[in-house]
Amino acid sequence: MSAWPWPTTADVALRAFAPSYESLLIESAMGVQSLLASPGGNIAAPNQIRHYGEWRIQCKHSPHDRSMLLVTWLEEVLYRQEIHNQWFLDGAVKIEQHDAGLTAVVQVTWVKADLIERELEIKAVTTHRLAVERVDEGVTIQPPDPDVPEFQGPGWYCDVVFDI
């Protein structure tokens, strides 16, 4: 996994790294799930039935903004978990670009969320200190916290703060 939590005043934040924007969506979602699950939370227990499907995500209020598409994607992951009992495990993303905006088409693998023991509850994905950026080759992104490694491009990174 390429995502690390870092502390904020009253919330929790996450930094994720990936070689592409599409894989950044997956890494950030896996990072959120690791924040939520208890250390022994049975996320990948072999006896759990895995389900597969396609989730299509669009950001209605900022349809061409990749940062807001990432926020909308993370909101969808949390919504699916709470409302549809779908705990995201992994996926593959394709970004479609239309005149109406960007759509993330995600082939997902999930298990039933009620089988996962949780340690934390996230109320909302915020835009406070939100960063979603492409990093050029040779450019180094400094960590926001000593427990988070620095990142050297090329690739993508995001910083997201969650209300808990």
N, C-alpha and C. Protein backbone atom coordinates (compact mmCIF):
# COMPACT_ATOMS: atom_id res chain seq x y z
N MET A 1 0.84 -1.18 0.00
CA MET A 1 0.00 0.00 0.00
C MET A 1 0.89 1.23 0.00
N SER A 2 0.41 2.29 -0.64
CA SER A 2 1.17 3.52 -0.73
C SER A 2 0.37 4.69 -0.18
N ALA A 3 -0.14 4.54 1.02
CA ALA A 3 -0.90 5.61 1.66
C ALA A 3 -0.56 5.62 3.15
N TRP A 4 -0.38 6.83 3.71
CA TRP A 4 0.02 6.99 5.11
C TRP A 4 -0.87 8.01 5.78
N PRO A 5 -1.38 7.66 6.99
CA PRO A 5 -2.13 8.67 7.74
C PRO A 5 -1.17 9.66 8.39
N TRP A 6 -1.64 10.87 8.62
CA TRP A 6 -0.88 11.86 9.39
C TRP A 6 -1.87 12.66 10.21
N PRO A 7 -1.46 13.06 11.40
CA PRO A 7 -2.39 13.70 12.33
C PRO A 7 -2.69 15.15 11.97
N THR A 8 -3.91 15.55 12.27
CA THR A 8 -4.30 16.95 12.21
C THR A 8 -4.94 17.27 13.55
N THR A 9 -5.38 18.48 13.74
CA THR A 9 -5.88 18.90 15.04
C THR A 9 -7.03 18.04 15.56
N ALA A 10 -8.14 17.96 14.83
CA ALA A 10 -9.30 17.20 15.32
C ALA A 10 -9.78 16.18 14.30
N ASP A 11 -9.04 15.98 13.26
CA ASP A 11 -9.44 15.08 12.20
C ASP A 11 -8.30 14.11 11.92
N VAL A 12 -8.41 13.37 10.85
CA VAL A 12 -7.32 12.51 10.41
C VAL A 12 -7.09 12.80 8.93
N ALA A 13 -5.83 12.75 8.53
CA ALA A 13 -5.49 13.04 7.14
C ALA A 13 -4.75 11.85 6.54
N LEU A 14 -4.71 11.84 5.24
CA LEU A 14 -4.08 10.75 4.51
C LEU A 14 -3.29 11.32 3.34
N ARG A 15 -2.10 10.81 3.13
CA ARG A 15 -1.34 11.11 1.92
C ARG A 15 -1.17 9.80 1.17
N ALA A 16 -1.43 9.83 -0.12
CA ALA A 16 -1.26 8.64 -0.96
C ALA A 16 -0.39 9.01 -2.16
N PHE A 17 0.38 8.04 -2.63
CA PHE A 17 1.24 8.18 -3.81
C PHE A 17 0.87 7.10 -4.81
N ALA A 18 1.05 7.39 -6.09
CA ALA A 18 0.80 6.39 -7.12
C ALA A 18 1.46 6.84 -8.42
N PRO A 19 1.72 5.91 -9.30
CA PRO A 19 2.35 6.28 -10.58
C PRO A 19 1.41 6.99 -11.55
N SER A 20 0.09 6.85 -11.38
CA SER A 20 -0.87 7.50 -12.28
C SER A 20 -2.05 8.02 -11.47
N TYR A 21 -2.82 8.92 -12.08
CA TYR A 21 -4.01 9.43 -11.40
C TYR A 21 -4.99 8.30 -11.11
N GLU A 22 -5.17 7.41 -12.09
CA GLU A 22 -6.10 6.30 -11.91
C GLU A 22 -5.71 5.43 -10.71
N SER A 23 -4.43 5.10 -10.60
CA SER A 23 -3.99 4.28 -9.47
C SER A 23 -4.01 5.07 -8.15
N LEU A 24 -3.95 6.41 -8.23
CA LEU A 24 -4.07 7.23 -7.03
C LEU A 24 -5.47 7.07 -6.41
N LEU A 25 -6.49 6.96 -7.25
CA LEU A 25 -7.83 6.74 -6.73
C LEU A 25 -7.89 5.43 -5.93
N ILE A 26 -7.27 4.39 -6.45
CA ILE A 26 -7.26 3.10 -5.76
C ILE A 26 -6.46 3.18 -4.47
N GLU A 27 -5.26 3.74 -4.53
CA GLU A 27 -4.41 3.84 -3.33
C GLU A 27 -5.08 4.66 -2.23
N SER A 28 -5.74 5.75 -2.61
CA SER A 28 -6.40 6.57 -1.59
C SER A 28 -7.59 5.83 -0.97
N ALA A 29 -8.34 5.09 -1.76
CA ALA A 29 -9.46 4.31 -1.23
C ALA A 29 -8.95 3.21 -0.30
N MET A 30 -7.87 2.55 -0.67
CA MET A 30 -7.31 1.52 0.19
C MET A 30 -6.76 2.14 1.48
N GLY A 31 -6.23 3.35 1.38
CA GLY A 31 -5.77 4.06 2.56
C GLY A 31 -6.91 4.39 3.51
N VAL A 32 -8.05 4.82 2.96
CA VAL A 32 -9.23 5.10 3.79
C VAL A 32 -9.67 3.82 4.50
N GLN A 33 -9.71 2.72 3.77
CA GLN A 33 -10.15 1.47 4.38
C GLN A 33 -9.20 1.03 5.50
N SER A 34 -7.92 1.28 5.31
CA SER A 34 -6.96 0.91 6.37
C SER A 34 -7.13 1.80 7.61
N LEU A 35 -7.58 3.05 7.42
CA LEU A 35 -7.88 3.92 8.56
C LEU A 35 -9.08 3.40 9.34
N LEU A 36 -10.08 2.90 8.63
CA LEU A 36 -11.33 2.49 9.25
C LEU A 36 -11.25 1.16 9.97
N ALA A 37 -10.52 0.22 9.40
CA ALA A 37 -10.52 -1.15 9.91
C ALA A 37 -9.65 -1.29 11.15
N SER A 38 -10.10 -2.15 12.05
CA SER A 38 -9.27 -2.52 13.20
C SER A 38 -8.06 -3.29 12.70
N PRO A 39 -6.96 -3.27 13.44
CA PRO A 39 -5.77 -4.01 13.00
C PRO A 39 -6.04 -5.48 12.68
N GLY A 40 -6.96 -6.11 13.39
CA GLY A 40 -7.32 -7.49 13.09
C GLY A 40 -8.68 -7.57 12.42
N GLY A 41 -9.00 -6.61 11.57
CA GLY A 41 -10.34 -6.44 11.02
C GLY A 41 -10.79 -7.37 9.93
N ASN A 42 -10.07 -8.44 9.62
CA ASN A 42 -10.48 -9.45 8.64
C ASN A 42 -10.68 -8.91 7.24
N ILE A 43 -9.96 -7.88 6.83
CA ILE A 43 -10.20 -7.29 5.52
C ILE A 43 -9.98 -8.28 4.39
N ALA A 44 -8.96 -9.06 4.46
CA ALA A 44 -8.65 -9.97 3.35
C ALA A 44 -8.76 -11.43 3.76
N ALA A 45 -9.63 -11.74 4.70
CA ALA A 45 -9.78 -13.13 5.13
C ALA A 45 -10.17 -14.00 3.95
N PRO A 46 -9.49 -15.12 3.77
CA PRO A 46 -9.74 -15.96 2.60
C PRO A 46 -11.13 -16.58 2.56
N ASN A 47 -11.82 -16.67 3.70
CA ASN A 47 -13.14 -17.29 3.69
C ASN A 47 -14.26 -16.32 3.33
N GLN A 48 -13.95 -15.06 3.13
CA GLN A 48 -14.97 -14.09 2.74
C GLN A 48 -15.24 -14.17 1.25
N ILE A 49 -16.50 -14.14 0.88
CA ILE A 49 -16.87 -14.16 -0.53
C ILE A 49 -16.59 -12.79 -1.12
N ARG A 50 -15.83 -12.78 -2.20
CA ARG A 50 -15.53 -11.53 -2.89
C ARG A 50 -16.57 -11.29 -3.98
N HIS A 51 -16.98 -10.04 -4.09
CA HIS A 51 -17.96 -9.63 -5.09
C HIS A 51 -17.26 -8.69 -6.05
N TYR A 52 -17.79 -8.61 -7.27
CA TYR A 52 -17.19 -7.78 -8.31
C TYR A 52 -18.29 -6.93 -8.94
N GLY A 53 -17.92 -5.74 -9.35
CA GLY A 53 -18.89 -4.88 -9.99
C GLY A 53 -18.23 -3.66 -10.59
N GLU A 54 -19.04 -2.79 -11.15
CA GLU A 54 -18.56 -1.54 -11.75
C GLU A 54 -19.24 -0.39 -11.05
N TRP A 55 -18.43 0.54 -10.56
CA TRP A 55 -18.94 1.76 -9.96
C TRP A 55 -18.54 2.91 -10.89
N ARG A 56 -19.50 3.75 -11.23
CA ARG A 56 -19.25 4.92 -12.09
C ARG A 56 -19.42 6.17 -11.23
N ILE A 57 -18.38 7.00 -11.20
CA ILE A 57 -18.38 8.16 -10.31
C ILE A 57 -18.16 9.42 -11.13
N GLN A 58 -19.02 10.41 -10.89
CA GLN A 58 -18.90 11.73 -11.50
C GLN A 58 -19.07 12.78 -10.41
N CYS A 59 -18.34 13.85 -10.52
CA CYS A 59 -18.51 14.97 -9.60
C CYS A 59 -19.43 15.97 -10.29
N LYS A 60 -20.62 16.11 -9.76
CA LYS A 60 -21.64 16.95 -10.40
C LYS A 60 -21.33 18.45 -10.32
N HIS A 61 -20.78 18.92 -9.19
CA HIS A 61 -20.60 20.37 -9.04
C HIS A 61 -19.28 20.89 -9.61
N SER A 62 -18.30 20.03 -9.86
CA SER A 62 -17.04 20.42 -10.51
C SER A 62 -16.64 19.30 -11.47
N PRO A 63 -17.37 19.14 -12.57
CA PRO A 63 -17.25 17.95 -13.40
C PRO A 63 -15.90 17.75 -14.10
N HIS A 64 -15.10 18.79 -14.22
CA HIS A 64 -13.80 18.65 -14.92
C HIS A 64 -12.61 18.68 -13.96
N ASP A 65 -12.86 18.74 -12.67
CA ASP A 65 -11.81 18.90 -11.66
C ASP A 65 -11.38 17.54 -11.10
N ARG A 66 -10.14 17.15 -11.35
CA ARG A 66 -9.63 15.86 -10.87
C ARG A 66 -9.57 15.79 -9.35
N SER A 67 -9.31 16.91 -8.69
CA SER A 67 -9.30 16.92 -7.23
C SER A 67 -10.67 16.58 -6.67
N MET A 68 -11.69 17.18 -7.24
CA MET A 68 -13.04 16.93 -6.75
C MET A 68 -13.54 15.56 -7.16
N LEU A 69 -13.05 15.03 -8.26
CA LEU A 69 -13.41 13.65 -8.63
C LEU A 69 -12.84 12.68 -7.59
N LEU A 70 -11.62 12.94 -7.11
CA LEU A 70 -11.05 12.10 -6.06
C LEU A 70 -11.88 12.18 -4.78
N VAL A 71 -12.29 13.37 -4.39
CA VAL A 71 -13.13 13.55 -3.20
C VAL A 71 -14.45 12.79 -3.38
N THR A 72 -15.07 12.94 -4.55
CA THR A 72 -16.33 12.25 -4.83
C THR A 72 -16.15 10.74 -4.80
N TRP A 73 -15.03 10.25 -5.32
CA TRP A 73 -14.71 8.83 -5.29
C TRP A 73 -14.62 8.32 -3.85
N LEU A 74 -13.90 9.04 -3.00
CA LEU A 74 -13.76 8.62 -1.60
C LEU A 74 -15.11 8.67 -0.88
N GLU A 75 -15.92 9.68 -1.20
CA GLU A 75 -17.27 9.73 -0.63
C GLU A 75 -18.08 8.52 -1.06
N GLU A 76 -17.92 8.10 -2.31
CA GLU A 76 -18.63 6.92 -2.83
C GLU A 76 -18.19 5.65 -2.10
N VAL A 77 -16.89 5.52 -1.85
CA VAL A 77 -16.38 4.36 -1.11
C VAL A 77 -17.02 4.30 0.28
N LEU A 78 -17.09 5.43 0.97
CA LEU A 78 -17.71 5.47 2.29
C LEU A 78 -19.22 5.23 2.23
N TYR A 79 -19.87 5.79 1.24
CA TYR A 79 -21.31 5.61 1.05
C TYR A 79 -21.64 4.14 0.78
N ARG A 80 -20.90 3.52 -0.11
CA ARG A 80 -21.14 2.10 -0.44
C ARG A 80 -20.97 1.23 0.80
N GLN A 81 -20.02 1.57 1.62
CA GLN A 81 -19.77 0.80 2.85
C GLN A 81 -20.93 0.94 3.82
N GLU A 82 -21.39 2.16 4.05
CA GLU A 82 -22.44 2.40 5.04
C GLU A 82 -23.84 2.04 4.56
N ILE A 83 -24.14 2.33 3.32
CA ILE A 83 -25.51 2.17 2.82
C ILE A 83 -25.72 0.83 2.10
N HIS A 84 -24.73 0.39 1.34
CA HIS A 84 -24.89 -0.83 0.54
C HIS A 84 -24.13 -2.03 1.10
N ASN A 85 -23.46 -1.85 2.25
CA ASN A 85 -22.73 -2.95 2.90
C ASN A 85 -21.61 -3.49 1.99
N GLN A 86 -20.96 -2.62 1.23
CA GLN A 86 -19.89 -3.01 0.31
C GLN A 86 -18.57 -2.42 0.77
N TRP A 87 -17.67 -3.27 1.24
CA TRP A 87 -16.36 -2.85 1.71
C TRP A 87 -15.37 -2.98 0.55
N PHE A 88 -14.89 -1.85 0.05
CA PHE A 88 -13.97 -1.83 -1.09
C PHE A 88 -12.66 -2.52 -0.74
N LEU A 89 -12.23 -3.45 -1.61
CA LEU A 89 -10.94 -4.11 -1.44
C LEU A 89 -9.91 -3.66 -2.46
N ASP A 90 -10.32 -3.58 -3.71
CA ASP A 90 -9.38 -3.25 -4.79
C ASP A 90 -10.17 -2.89 -6.04
N GLY A 91 -9.47 -2.36 -7.02
CA GLY A 91 -10.15 -2.02 -8.26
C GLY A 91 -9.18 -1.60 -9.34
N ALA A 92 -9.75 -1.39 -10.51
CA ALA A 92 -9.02 -0.88 -11.67
C ALA A 92 -9.86 0.27 -12.23
N VAL A 93 -9.20 1.39 -12.51
CA VAL A 93 -9.90 2.61 -12.90
C VAL A 93 -9.60 2.99 -14.34
N LYS A 94 -10.64 3.44 -15.01
CA LYS A 94 -10.51 4.07 -16.32
C LYS A 94 -11.21 5.42 -16.20
N ILE A 95 -10.55 6.48 -16.64
CA ILE A 95 -11.16 7.81 -16.61
C ILE A 95 -11.70 8.12 -18.00
N GLU A 96 -12.99 8.42 -18.06
CA GLU A 96 -13.61 8.84 -19.31
C GLU A 96 -13.75 10.36 -19.28
N GLN A 97 -13.39 11.00 -20.39
CA GLN A 97 -13.51 12.45 -20.50
C GLN A 97 -14.58 12.76 -21.54
N HIS A 98 -15.59 13.49 -21.11
CA HIS A 98 -16.69 13.90 -21.97
C HIS A 98 -16.84 15.41 -21.87
N ASP A 99 -17.61 15.99 -22.75
CA ASP A 99 -17.90 17.42 -22.66
C ASP A 99 -18.53 17.77 -21.32
N ALA A 100 -19.33 16.83 -20.77
CA ALA A 100 -20.00 17.06 -19.50
C ALA A 100 -19.07 16.88 -18.30
N GLY A 101 -17.85 16.36 -18.50
CA GLY A 101 -16.91 16.20 -17.40
C GLY A 101 -16.24 14.85 -17.36
N LEU A 102 -15.59 14.59 -16.25
CA LEU A 102 -14.84 13.35 -16.04
C LEU A 102 -15.73 12.31 -15.34
N THR A 103 -15.54 11.06 -15.74
CA THR A 103 -16.20 9.94 -15.07
C THR A 103 -15.14 8.90 -14.75
N ALA A 104 -15.11 8.47 -13.50
CA ALA A 104 -14.24 7.36 -13.11
C ALA A 104 -15.08 6.09 -13.22
N VAL A 105 -14.64 5.19 -14.07
CA VAL A 105 -15.29 3.89 -14.23
C VAL A 105 -14.37 2.90 -13.52
N VAL A 106 -14.87 2.32 -12.43
CA VAL A 106 -14.02 1.50 -11.57
C VAL A 106 -14.57 0.07 -11.52
N GLN A 107 -13.73 -0.88 -11.93
CA GLN A 107 -14.05 -2.29 -11.75
C GLN A 107 -13.58 -2.64 -10.35
N VAL A 108 -14.53 -2.94 -9.46
CA VAL A 108 -14.23 -3.08 -8.03
C VAL A 108 -14.34 -4.53 -7.56
N THR A 109 -13.58 -4.80 -6.52
CA THR A 109 -13.70 -6.03 -5.74
C THR A 109 -14.08 -5.59 -4.33
N TRP A 110 -15.12 -6.22 -3.77
CA TRP A 110 -15.58 -5.84 -2.44
C TRP A 110 -16.08 -7.06 -1.68
N VAL A 111 -16.14 -6.90 -0.36
CA VAL A 111 -16.73 -7.90 0.52
C VAL A 111 -17.82 -7.21 1.33
N LYS A 112 -18.63 -8.00 2.02
CA LYS A 112 -19.68 -7.42 2.85
C LYS A 112 -19.05 -6.63 4.00
N ALA A 113 -19.45 -5.38 4.12
CA ALA A 113 -18.85 -4.48 5.10
C ALA A 113 -19.14 -4.88 6.53
N ASP A 114 -20.27 -5.53 6.76
CA ASP A 114 -20.57 -5.90 8.15
C ASP A 114 -19.69 -7.02 8.68
N LEU A 115 -18.86 -7.59 7.82
CA LEU A 115 -17.90 -8.61 8.25
C LEU A 115 -16.58 -8.01 8.72
N ILE A 116 -16.41 -6.70 8.53
CA ILE A 116 -15.16 -6.02 8.86
C ILE A 116 -15.28 -5.34 10.22
N GLU A 117 -14.36 -5.67 11.10
CA GLU A 117 -14.32 -5.00 12.41
C GLU A 117 -13.68 -3.62 12.21
N ARG A 118 -14.35 -2.59 12.73
CA ARG A 118 -13.89 -1.21 12.52
C ARG A 118 -13.37 -0.58 13.79
N GLU A 119 -12.43 0.32 13.59
CA GLU A 119 -11.83 1.04 14.70
C GLU A 119 -12.20 2.52 14.70
N LEU A 120 -12.55 3.04 13.53
CA LEU A 120 -12.75 4.47 13.34
C LEU A 120 -13.98 4.69 12.46
N GLU A 121 -14.63 5.83 12.65
CA GLU A 121 -15.73 6.22 11.78
C GLU A 121 -15.38 7.56 11.14
N ILE A 122 -15.48 7.61 9.83
CA ILE A 122 -15.27 8.87 9.11
C ILE A 122 -16.63 9.45 8.78
N LYS A 123 -16.85 10.70 9.19
CA LYS A 123 -18.12 11.38 8.93
C LYS A 123 -18.15 11.98 7.53
N ALA A 124 -17.00 12.52 7.09
CA ALA A 124 -17.00 13.21 5.80
C ALA A 124 -15.58 13.33 5.25
N VAL A 125 -15.52 13.44 3.94
CA VAL A 125 -14.29 13.77 3.23
C VAL A 125 -14.32 15.29 3.07
N THR A 126 -13.26 15.97 3.49
CA THR A 126 -13.27 17.44 3.42
C THR A 126 -12.37 17.92 2.28
N THR A 127 -12.47 19.20 2.00
CA THR A 127 -11.55 19.81 1.03
C THR A 127 -10.50 20.66 1.74
N HIS A 128 -10.51 20.63 3.07
CA HIS A 128 -9.50 21.35 3.85
C HIS A 128 -8.13 20.75 3.55
N ARG A 129 -7.19 21.57 3.11
CA ARG A 129 -5.82 21.16 2.79
C ARG A 129 -5.76 20.10 1.69
N LEU A 130 -6.81 20.02 0.86
CA LEU A 130 -6.85 19.05 -0.23
C LEU A 130 -5.77 19.35 -1.26
N ALA A 131 -5.05 18.32 -1.63
CA ALA A 131 -4.06 18.43 -2.71
C ALA A 131 -4.16 17.17 -3.55
N VAL A 132 -4.26 17.36 -4.85
CA VAL A 132 -4.20 16.25 -5.81
C VAL A 132 -3.34 16.79 -6.95
N GLU A 133 -2.11 16.26 -7.05
CA GLU A 133 -1.18 16.85 -8.01
C GLU A 133 -0.31 15.81 -8.69
N ARG A 134 -0.01 16.12 -9.93
CA ARG A 134 0.97 15.34 -10.68
C ARG A 134 2.35 15.89 -10.31
N VAL A 135 3.30 14.97 -10.14
CA VAL A 135 4.65 15.36 -9.74
C VAL A 135 5.59 14.96 -10.88
N ASP A 136 6.33 15.94 -11.38
CA ASP A 136 7.26 15.67 -12.48
C ASP A 136 8.46 14.85 -12.03
N GLU A 137 9.10 14.21 -12.96
CA GLU A 137 10.28 13.41 -12.67
C GLU A 137 11.35 14.26 -12.01
N GLY A 138 11.92 13.72 -10.94
CA GLY A 138 12.99 14.41 -10.23
C GLY A 138 12.53 15.39 -9.18
N VAL A 139 11.23 15.72 -9.15
CA VAL A 139 10.70 16.64 -8.14
C VAL A 139 10.37 15.84 -6.89
N THR A 140 10.75 16.39 -5.73
CA THR A 140 10.50 15.71 -4.45
C THR A 140 9.42 16.46 -3.68
N ILE A 141 8.45 15.70 -3.18
CA ILE A 141 7.39 16.25 -2.34
C ILE A 141 7.73 15.93 -0.90
N GLN A 142 7.86 16.96 -0.08
CA GLN A 142 8.22 16.78 1.32
C GLN A 142 7.02 16.27 2.11
N PRO A 143 7.27 15.49 3.15
CA PRO A 143 6.17 14.93 3.93
C PRO A 143 5.51 15.96 4.84
N PRO A 144 4.20 15.79 5.11
CA PRO A 144 3.51 16.69 6.03
C PRO A 144 3.75 16.31 7.49
N ASP A 145 4.37 15.13 7.71
CA ASP A 145 4.55 14.58 9.04
C ASP A 145 5.77 13.66 9.00
N PRO A 146 6.51 13.53 10.11
CA PRO A 146 7.69 12.66 10.11
C PRO A 146 7.39 11.18 9.84
N ASP A 147 6.16 10.74 10.07
CA ASP A 147 5.81 9.35 9.81
C ASP A 147 5.43 9.07 8.35
N VAL A 148 5.43 10.11 7.53
CA VAL A 148 5.09 9.96 6.11
C VAL A 148 6.38 10.14 5.31
N PRO A 149 6.68 9.23 4.38
CA PRO A 149 7.91 9.38 3.60
C PRO A 149 7.79 10.50 2.57
N GLU A 150 8.95 10.99 2.12
CA GLU A 150 8.92 11.94 1.00
C GLU A 150 8.67 11.15 -0.27
N PHE A 151 8.24 11.85 -1.30
CA PHE A 151 7.91 11.22 -2.58
C PHE A 151 8.65 11.93 -3.68
N GLN A 152 9.27 11.16 -4.56
CA GLN A 152 9.96 11.74 -5.71
C GLN A 152 9.27 11.28 -6.98
N GLY A 153 8.96 12.27 -7.84
CA GLY A 153 8.27 11.98 -9.10
C GLY A 153 9.13 11.22 -10.08
N PRO A 154 8.51 10.70 -11.08
CA PRO A 154 7.18 11.04 -11.57
C PRO A 154 6.09 10.25 -10.87
N GLY A 155 4.91 10.84 -10.88
CA GLY A 155 3.75 10.18 -10.31
C GLY A 155 2.72 11.20 -9.86
N TRP A 156 1.83 10.75 -9.01
CA TRP A 156 0.76 11.58 -8.46
C TRP A 156 0.72 11.41 -6.95
N TYR A 157 0.29 12.45 -6.25
CA TYR A 157 0.05 12.32 -4.82
C TYR A 157 -1.22 13.09 -4.46
N CYS A 158 -1.79 12.70 -3.31
CA CYS A 158 -2.91 13.46 -2.77
C CYS A 158 -2.77 13.56 -1.27
N ASP A 159 -3.29 14.66 -0.73
CA ASP A 159 -3.48 14.85 0.70
C ASP A 159 -4.97 15.10 0.89
N VAL A 160 -5.58 14.32 1.79
CA VAL A 160 -7.00 14.44 2.05
C VAL A 160 -7.21 14.42 3.56
N VAL A 161 -8.05 15.33 4.04
CA VAL A 161 -8.40 15.40 5.46
C VAL A 161 -9.84 14.90 5.61
N PHE A 162 -10.03 14.04 6.62
CA PHE A 162 -11.34 13.46 6.89
C PHE A 162 -11.87 13.96 8.22
N ASP A 163 -13.16 14.25 8.27
CA ASP A 163 -13.82 14.63 9.51
C ASP A 163 -14.24 13.34 10.23
N ILE A 164 -13.75 13.18 11.48
CA ILE A 164 -14.09 11.97 12.23
C ILE A 164 -14.95 12.29 13.43
